[in-house]
Amino acid sequence: MAGTDGMPAARIVTACMVVIGNEVLSGRTRDANLAWIAPRLNQIGVRLQEARVIPDIEAIIVETVRAVRGRFDYVFTSGGIGPTHDDITADAMAKAFEVEIDIDPRARERLEGHYAPGELNPARLRMARIPAGAALIDNPVSKAPGFRLANVYVMAGVPLIFQAMFESIRHELVGGIPLLSRSIGAEIAESKLADPLRRLQESYPAVEMGSYPFFRGGRAGCSIVLRSTDPALLAVTGEAVKEMMRSQGAEPYEADAA
């Protein structure tokens, strides 16, 4: 498929995030990994299009992974690869891909180099159980590796370790054109912008437009967030949004993109 300049159009590269953990669903633990990975994926041209939060139940993990790995270019999971009995993600991944799972010599070697003699007990050794055929993901923090099966990257739930693991595989991710964002705010009721914003969206269908109301310092306002892969188009629509706000009696300002 060619673009308007005759060059091949860049393919949209997509991703799904699967957050695994009863503690997240119960509210005891607040997930931080989704908010962290989304902008970093966008920087390399990978669009996070879906996120799921699921419990530590093997059948649900298997079903979810099988459902999403064929729909997205990349799947990233967090959680469930620690040393305790409820860390079942590795076993579920092996079942999802219909492969065996056992102590991986490469993973064991990393753990043996990290722990003092005698400290690599059976619980810690569980973290060396890797599905057959998986590539290891480096863990510079605590050495227990994550792993990749096809396009599914299985990483730890602890934010510091998740981030370190992602940085170790970031170089191998191939993206398309990054999706750029621009946010324009004004102290104006969202309802006053509804109709003019709808008309503006109809005029610029290639630009994603979102409306986000806020309440700060006792004053209500609204931010319009624009997203596009075309910086020139983003600039044009940004000025159009500002003019729209001024026509409704509000003075626009640039805000942080959402």
Protein backbone atom coordinates (compact mmCIF):
# COMPACT_ATOMS: atom_id res chain seq x y z
CA MET A 1 0.00 0.00 0.00
CA ALA A 2 1.50 3.35 -1.03
CA GLY A 3 1.18 6.72 0.62
CA THR A 4 0.31 9.98 -1.10
CA ASP A 5 3.97 10.57 -1.98
CA GLY A 6 4.27 7.23 -3.74
CA MET A 7 6.35 5.68 -0.95
CA PRO A 8 5.13 2.54 0.87
CA ALA A 9 2.77 3.46 3.69
CA ALA A 10 4.06 2.54 7.15
CA ARG A 11 2.16 -0.30 8.77
CA ILE A 12 0.53 0.32 12.13
CA VAL A 13 2.32 -1.84 14.71
CA THR A 14 0.13 -2.84 17.64
CA ALA A 15 0.53 -4.17 21.16
CA CYS A 16 -1.54 -5.55 24.01
CA MET A 17 -0.66 -5.43 27.70
CA VAL A 18 -1.84 -8.24 29.99
CA VAL A 19 -1.57 -7.47 33.70
CA ILE A 20 -1.70 -10.70 35.71
CA GLY A 21 -2.43 -10.71 39.43
CA ASN A 22 -5.18 -11.16 41.99
CA GLU A 23 -3.60 -8.36 44.01
CA VAL A 24 -4.24 -5.87 41.21
CA LEU A 25 -7.86 -6.92 40.79
CA SER A 26 -8.46 -6.74 44.55
CA GLY A 27 -7.10 -3.20 44.69
CA ARG A 28 -4.34 -4.11 47.14
CA THR A 29 -1.69 -3.34 44.53
CA ARG A 30 -1.95 -0.46 42.10
CA ASP A 31 -0.59 -1.35 38.67
CA ALA A 32 2.05 1.10 37.47
CA ASN A 33 3.43 -0.84 34.52
CA LEU A 34 0.69 -0.03 32.02
CA ALA A 35 1.07 3.73 32.41
CA TRP A 36 4.85 3.36 32.21
CA ILE A 37 5.09 1.21 29.08
CA ALA A 38 2.46 2.95 26.93
CA PRO A 39 4.41 6.15 26.15
CA ARG A 40 7.64 4.22 25.65
CA LEU A 41 6.01 1.95 23.11
CA ASN A 42 4.64 4.96 21.31
CA GLN A 43 8.14 6.47 21.12
CA ILE A 44 9.23 3.54 18.97
CA GLY A 45 6.06 3.48 16.90
CA VAL A 46 4.19 0.67 18.67
CA ARG A 47 0.59 1.50 19.57
CA LEU A 48 -0.78 -0.02 22.74
CA GLN A 49 -4.32 -0.76 21.60
CA GLU A 50 -5.63 -2.97 24.36
CA ALA A 51 -4.97 -3.81 28.01
CA ARG A 52 -6.42 -6.60 30.12
CA VAL A 53 -6.19 -7.24 33.86
CA ILE A 54 -6.70 -10.91 34.72
CA PRO A 55 -6.42 -13.10 37.83
CA ASP A 56 -3.85 -15.74 38.73
CA ILE A 57 -5.97 -18.50 37.23
CA GLU A 58 -4.21 -20.75 34.74
CA ALA A 59 -7.17 -21.31 32.45
CA ILE A 60 -7.82 -17.57 32.14
CA ILE A 61 -4.16 -16.79 31.46
CA VAL A 62 -4.02 -19.48 28.78
CA GLU A 63 -7.26 -18.33 27.17
CA THR A 64 -6.21 -14.67 27.22
CA VAL A 65 -2.76 -15.25 25.73
CA ARG A 66 -4.13 -17.45 22.99
CA ALA A 67 -6.73 -14.81 22.18
CA VAL A 68 -4.41 -11.81 21.95
CA ARG A 69 -1.15 -13.16 20.52
CA GLY A 70 -2.66 -13.54 17.08
CA ARG A 71 -4.38 -10.16 17.11
CA PHE A 72 -1.43 -7.95 18.04
CA ASP A 73 2.15 -7.64 16.87
CA TYR A 74 3.41 -7.67 20.44
CA VAL A 75 1.97 -8.89 23.73
CA PHE A 76 3.54 -7.86 27.05
CA THR A 77 2.59 -9.48 30.34
CA SER A 78 3.46 -8.49 33.89
CA GLY A 79 3.24 -10.52 37.07
CA GLY A 80 3.26 -14.10 38.24
CA ILE A 81 6.87 -15.18 37.63
CA GLY A 82 8.15 -14.99 41.22
CA PRO A 83 9.13 -17.77 43.69
CA THR A 84 5.82 -18.50 45.41
CA HIS A 85 3.12 -21.10 44.77
CA ASP A 86 0.73 -18.55 43.24
CA ASP A 87 3.26 -17.49 40.60
CA ILE A 88 1.82 -19.60 37.82
CA THR A 89 2.39 -17.44 34.75
CA ALA A 90 5.32 -19.50 33.39
CA ASP A 91 3.31 -22.74 33.60
CA ALA A 92 0.30 -21.07 31.98
CA MET A 93 2.48 -19.78 29.13
CA ALA A 94 3.86 -23.25 28.53
CA LYS A 95 0.32 -24.56 28.30
CA ALA A 96 -0.77 -21.69 26.03
CA PHE A 97 2.03 -22.54 23.59
CA GLU A 98 1.75 -26.31 24.16
CA VAL A 99 5.39 -26.77 25.17
CA GLU A 100 7.12 -28.38 28.15
CA ILE A 101 8.49 -26.41 31.09
CA ASP A 102 11.46 -27.22 33.31
CA ILE A 103 14.51 -25.71 34.98
CA ASP A 104 16.37 -23.84 32.26
CA PRO A 105 20.18 -24.17 32.59
CA ARG A 106 20.68 -20.60 31.38
CA ALA A 107 18.30 -19.21 33.97
CA ARG A 108 19.75 -21.41 36.71
CA GLU A 109 23.24 -20.18 35.94
CA ARG A 110 22.10 -16.57 36.32
CA LEU A 111 20.51 -17.28 39.68
CA GLU A 112 23.54 -19.23 40.91
CA GLY A 113 25.71 -16.25 40.07
CA HIS A 114 23.41 -13.93 41.98
CA TYR A 115 22.86 -15.84 45.23
CA ALA A 116 25.50 -16.89 47.72
CA PRO A 117 26.21 -20.64 48.00
CA GLY A 118 23.30 -22.37 49.68
CA GLU A 119 20.87 -19.48 49.15
CA LEU A 120 19.38 -20.81 45.92
CA ASN A 121 16.61 -22.72 47.67
CA PRO A 122 13.75 -24.60 45.91
CA ALA A 123 11.47 -21.55 46.01
CA ARG A 124 14.02 -19.34 44.28
CA LEU A 125 14.85 -22.10 41.83
CA ARG A 126 11.24 -21.99 40.67
CA MET A 127 12.15 -18.73 38.94
CA ALA A 128 14.44 -20.71 36.63
CA ARG A 129 11.54 -22.73 35.25
CA ILE A 130 11.20 -21.56 31.63
CA PRO A 131 8.99 -22.92 28.83
CA ALA A 132 10.89 -24.89 26.20
CA GLY A 133 12.10 -22.81 23.27
CA ALA A 134 11.75 -19.46 25.03
CA ALA A 135 14.33 -16.70 24.76
CA LEU A 136 15.38 -15.21 28.08
CA ILE A 137 14.79 -11.57 29.00
CA ASP A 138 17.57 -10.04 31.08
CA ASN A 139 16.83 -8.90 34.61
CA PRO A 140 19.66 -6.65 35.77
CA VAL A 141 17.93 -6.00 39.10
CA SER A 142 17.41 -9.42 40.68
CA LYS A 143 18.70 -11.69 37.86
CA ALA A 144 15.61 -13.96 37.69
CA PRO A 145 14.86 -13.67 33.96
CA GLY A 146 11.67 -13.10 32.09
CA PHE A 147 11.19 -14.81 28.76
CA ARG A 148 9.76 -14.46 25.27
CA LEU A 149 7.72 -17.01 23.35
CA ALA A 150 7.08 -15.85 19.76
CA ASN A 151 5.62 -12.34 20.14
CA VAL A 152 4.72 -12.67 23.84
CA TYR A 153 7.08 -11.02 26.33
CA VAL A 154 6.63 -12.29 29.89
CA MET A 155 7.97 -9.94 32.54
CA ALA A 156 7.88 -9.34 36.27
CA GLY A 157 5.16 -7.38 38.02
CA VAL A 158 7.47 -5.36 40.30
CA PRO A 159 7.71 -2.00 38.48
CA LEU A 160 11.47 -1.56 38.89
CA ILE A 161 12.15 -5.03 37.48
CA PHE A 162 9.49 -4.74 34.78
CA GLN A 163 11.08 -1.50 33.58
CA ALA A 164 14.57 -2.99 33.56
CA MET A 165 13.36 -6.01 31.61
CA PHE A 166 11.61 -3.84 29.06
CA GLU A 167 14.71 -1.71 28.52
CA SER A 168 16.69 -4.89 27.86
CA ILE A 169 14.38 -5.91 24.99
CA ARG A 170 13.43 -2.48 23.70
CA HIS A 171 16.11 -2.59 20.98
CA GLU A 172 14.52 -5.63 19.32
CA LEU A 173 11.05 -4.11 18.97
CA VAL A 174 10.28 -2.87 15.47
CA GLY A 175 7.66 -0.16 15.24
CA GLY A 176 6.00 2.04 12.67
CA ILE A 177 5.55 5.79 12.70
CA PRO A 178 5.13 7.17 16.25
CA LEU A 179 1.74 8.59 17.12
CA LEU A 180 2.24 12.25 18.07
CA SER A 181 0.07 14.04 20.62
CA ARG A 182 -0.89 17.63 21.30
CA SER A 183 -3.13 18.86 24.12
CA ILE A 184 -4.90 22.23 24.18
CA GLY A 185 -6.82 23.35 27.24
CA ALA A 186 -9.15 26.16 28.19
CA GLU A 187 -11.40 27.15 31.06
CA ILE A 188 -14.63 26.24 29.36
CA ALA A 189 -17.42 23.72 29.92
CA GLU A 190 -16.98 20.58 27.83
CA SER A 191 -20.59 20.81 26.67
CA LYS A 192 -19.92 24.13 24.91
CA LEU A 193 -17.29 22.43 22.73
CA ALA A 194 -19.29 19.31 21.89
CA ASP A 195 -20.88 20.45 18.62
CA PRO A 196 -17.96 22.46 17.21
CA LEU A 197 -15.58 19.62 18.12
CA ARG A 198 -17.78 17.12 16.31
CA ARG A 199 -17.70 19.29 13.20
CA LEU A 200 -13.94 19.66 13.48
CA GLN A 201 -13.52 15.89 13.74
CA GLU A 202 -15.59 15.48 10.57
CA SER A 203 -13.29 17.93 8.80
CA TYR A 204 -10.13 16.13 9.95
CA PRO A 205 -11.01 12.40 10.14
CA ALA A 206 -7.32 11.36 10.09
CA VAL A 207 -6.71 13.03 13.46
CA GLU A 208 -7.88 11.39 16.68
CA MET A 209 -9.65 13.96 18.85
CA GLY A 210 -10.55 13.44 22.48
CA SER A 211 -12.24 15.72 25.00
CA TYR A 212 -11.22 15.57 28.68
CA PRO A 213 -12.94 17.80 31.27
CA PHE A 214 -11.09 18.88 34.42
CA PHE A 215 -11.74 20.82 37.60
CA ARG A 216 -8.83 22.77 39.10
CA GLY A 217 -8.72 25.49 41.69
CA GLY A 218 -12.49 25.78 41.75
CA ARG A 219 -12.70 26.33 37.99
CA ALA A 220 -13.97 23.90 35.36
CA GLY A 221 -12.20 23.43 32.06
CA CYS A 222 -11.62 21.09 29.17
CA SER A 223 -8.58 19.75 27.33
CA ILE A 224 -8.75 18.63 23.71
CA VAL A 225 -6.14 16.00 22.91
CA LEU A 226 -5.13 15.50 19.28
CA ARG A 227 -3.23 12.47 17.99
CA SER A 228 -1.75 11.94 14.55
CA THR A 229 1.33 10.52 12.86
CA ASP A 230 1.56 13.66 10.71
CA PRO A 231 3.15 16.64 12.52
CA ALA A 232 1.95 19.11 9.88
CA LEU A 233 -1.63 17.93 10.21
CA LEU A 234 -1.32 18.06 13.98
CA ALA A 235 -0.20 21.69 13.75
CA VAL A 236 -3.13 22.63 11.50
CA THR A 237 -5.74 20.97 13.68
CA GLY A 238 -4.17 22.44 16.80
CA GLU A 239 -4.69 25.94 15.48
CA ALA A 240 -8.23 24.99 14.47
CA VAL A 241 -8.95 23.84 18.04
CA LYS A 242 -7.62 27.11 19.44
CA GLU A 243 -9.83 29.09 17.08
CA MET A 244 -12.80 26.92 18.07
CA MET A 245 -12.18 27.70 21.75
CA ARG A 246 -11.83 31.40 21.11
CA SER A 247 -15.12 31.39 19.19
CA GLN A 248 -16.75 30.07 22.37
CA GLY A 249 -15.28 32.84 24.49
CA ALA A 250 -12.35 30.93 26.01
CA GLU A 251 -8.60 31.56 25.76
CA PRO A 252 -6.70 28.36 24.84
CA TYR A 253 -3.31 27.27 26.12
CA GLU A 254 -0.97 24.37 25.37
CA ALA A 255 -1.22 21.62 27.96
CA ASP A 256 0.59 18.34 28.61
CA ALA A 257 -0.48 15.70 26.10
CA ALA A 258 -2.55 12.87 27.56
